[in-house]
Protein backbone atom coordinates (compact mmCIF):
# COMPACT_ATOMS: atom_id res chain seq x y z
CA MET A 1 158.58 30.53 48.19
CA SER A 2 157.05 27.23 49.05
CA ASP A 3 153.45 25.89 49.37
CA TRP A 4 153.11 23.79 52.53
CA GLY A 5 148.83 24.25 52.63
CA PRO A 6 149.11 20.69 50.81
CA VAL A 7 150.97 19.14 53.15
CA VAL A 8 149.26 20.78 56.57
CA ILE A 9 145.78 19.97 55.29
CA ALA A 10 147.37 16.07 54.37
CA VAL A 11 148.48 15.72 57.99
CA VAL A 12 145.11 16.90 59.99
CA LEU A 13 143.41 15.10 58.57
CA PHE A 14 145.48 11.82 59.08
CA VAL A 15 145.56 13.16 62.05
CA LEU A 16 141.33 13.67 62.50
CA LEU A 17 140.42 10.47 60.62
CA SER A 18 142.44 6.94 61.74
CA PRO A 19 139.89 5.16 62.49
CA GLY A 20 139.43 4.36 66.07
CA LEU A 21 141.32 7.57 67.44
CA LEU A 22 138.33 9.63 67.53
CA VAL A 23 135.99 8.71 65.63
CA GLN A 24 135.94 4.61 63.78
CA LEU A 25 132.79 3.64 60.97
CA PRO A 26 131.84 1.30 60.99
CA GLY A 27 132.22 0.85 64.71
CA ARG A 28 132.84 -2.79 65.84
CA HIS A 29 129.80 -3.16 68.24
CA HIS A 30 127.63 0.08 66.55
CA PHE A 31 127.54 2.12 62.94
CA VAL A 32 129.45 4.61 65.08
CA GLU A 33 132.11 4.66 68.05
CA PHE A 34 133.64 6.92 69.27
CA GLY A 35 137.64 6.31 70.51
CA ASN A 36 137.67 2.92 70.53
CA LEU A 37 141.12 2.74 69.20
CA HIS A 38 140.21 -0.81 67.94
CA THR A 39 139.72 -1.01 63.99
CA SER A 40 138.72 -3.42 61.46
CA ALA A 41 139.32 -3.64 57.13
CA VAL A 42 136.60 -2.10 56.47
CA ALA A 43 136.99 0.66 59.25
CA ILE A 44 140.26 1.45 57.27
CA LEU A 45 138.76 1.68 53.31
CA VAL A 46 136.03 3.86 54.55
CA HIS A 47 138.13 6.15 56.17
CA ALA A 48 140.62 6.23 52.98
CA ILE A 49 137.38 6.88 51.00
CA ILE A 50 136.56 9.89 53.07
CA PHE A 51 140.26 10.85 53.10
CA PHE A 52 140.79 10.74 49.75
CA ALA A 53 137.30 13.24 49.31
CA LEU A 54 138.59 15.44 51.52
CA ILE A 55 141.52 16.07 50.51
CA THR A 56 140.44 16.00 46.67
CA ILE A 57 138.20 18.42 47.40
CA PHE A 58 140.23 20.87 50.21
CA VAL A 59 144.21 20.60 47.48
CA ILE A 60 142.55 20.34 44.57
CA VAL A 61 139.49 21.56 43.83
CA ILE A 62 139.18 24.22 46.65
CA GLY A 63 142.59 25.26 46.40
CA VAL A 64 144.30 26.29 49.68
CA HIS A 65 147.75 27.41 49.83
CA ILE A 66 149.87 28.68 52.76
CA THR A 67 153.23 29.83 51.35
CA THR A 68 156.21 30.85 53.52
CA ASP A 69 158.95 32.85 51.78
CA SER A 70 162.30 30.83 52.29
């Protein structure tokens, strides 16, 4: 059996937390900007910290598991 939970959670969070795709914290002109497709080093750092915190919560603390029979 394969555990696909961490892989699915990581891919979804990576897409949702890509800076500038849906939301950017901090933005270039405002604190929060939506869908501007621009980024900065600070925004990359903030999104990486949020990604690490959420992946830790979902995979380690909650323990999301999606198993498949091979």
